[in-house]
Protein backbone atom coordinates (compact mmCIF):
# COMPACT_ATOMS: atom_id res chain seq x y z
CA MET A 1 29.25 98.65 99.69
CA SER A 2 31.98 100.30 97.78
CA THR A 3 28.75 101.58 95.67
CA ILE A 4 26.91 103.42 98.33
CA ILE A 5 30.30 104.73 99.52
CA CYS A 6 31.10 106.18 95.72
CA ASN A 7 27.59 108.09 96.01
CA VAL A 8 27.26 109.39 99.71
CA PHE A 9 30.86 110.73 100.16
CA PRO A 10 32.44 113.45 97.93
CA GLU A 11 35.27 112.17 95.73
CA ASP A 12 37.95 113.86 97.84
CA MET A 13 37.07 111.89 100.51
CA LEU A 14 37.37 108.74 99.19
CA GLU A 15 41.45 108.47 100.06
CA HIS A 16 40.26 108.63 103.81
CA ILE A 17 37.47 106.06 103.88
CA TYR A 18 38.48 102.54 104.74
CA TYR A 19 35.70 99.63 105.52
CA THR A 20 35.55 96.02 105.81
CA ALA A 21 33.55 93.19 104.11
CA GLU A 22 33.00 89.45 104.18
CA GLY A 23 35.12 88.36 100.57
CA SER A 24 37.74 90.81 102.35
CA LEU A 25 37.92 88.97 105.31
CA LYS A 26 37.75 85.55 103.42
CA SER A 27 40.71 86.69 101.39
CA ALA A 28 42.95 87.54 104.61
CA ASN A 29 42.12 83.85 106.67
CA TYR A 30 39.64 86.40 108.64
CA ASN A 31 42.43 88.71 110.40
CA ILE A 32 40.52 92.13 110.26
CA MET A 33 43.83 93.90 110.35
CA GLN A 34 45.01 92.71 106.90
CA SER A 35 41.26 93.10 105.16
CA LEU A 36 40.48 96.88 104.97
CA VAL A 37 39.21 98.18 101.61
CA ARG A 38 39.46 101.30 99.94
CA VAL A 39 38.15 102.87 96.69
CA THR A 40 40.74 104.16 94.71
CA SER A 41 38.96 105.34 91.60
CA LEU A 42 35.51 105.90 90.14
CA LYS A 43 33.85 105.38 86.84
CA GLN A 44 30.73 106.60 85.34
CA GLY A 45 27.38 104.34 85.82
CA PRO A 46 25.60 102.91 82.95
CA ASP A 47 23.14 105.77 83.14
CA ALA A 48 24.90 109.00 82.77
CA SER A 49 21.82 110.96 83.17
CA ALA A 50 21.40 109.64 86.93
CA GLU A 51 24.99 110.57 87.84
CA MET A 52 25.52 107.43 89.37
CA LYS A 53 29.33 106.56 90.54
CA LEU A 54 30.77 103.23 90.29
CA PRO A 55 33.98 102.03 91.90
CA GLY A 56 36.42 101.44 89.32
CA SER A 57 39.04 100.23 91.33
CA VAL A 58 39.49 99.28 94.96
CA SER A 59 42.56 98.34 97.06
CA SER A 60 43.15 95.85 100.39
CA GLN A 61 45.13 97.98 102.98
CA LEU A 62 46.98 96.64 106.10
CA ALA A 63 45.25 98.36 109.16
CA TYR A 64 46.96 100.87 111.32
CA SER A 65 48.35 99.63 114.76
CA PHE A 66 45.82 101.58 116.65
CA PHE A 67 42.49 99.79 114.71
């Protein structure tokens, strides 16, 4: 999911996009309020000519109370 987000949205919007996934839910004991993920940096894909962007790092975030 992180790779899709990196390639669909402009880089300046990544700080506003939060999502969850099975791994983050499991690591937070299935608590959706503690399992949001955000891409925090990008790296170039293996084929530079294709200009594919990959997540360099992601971070786990607590959900705001209105989620």
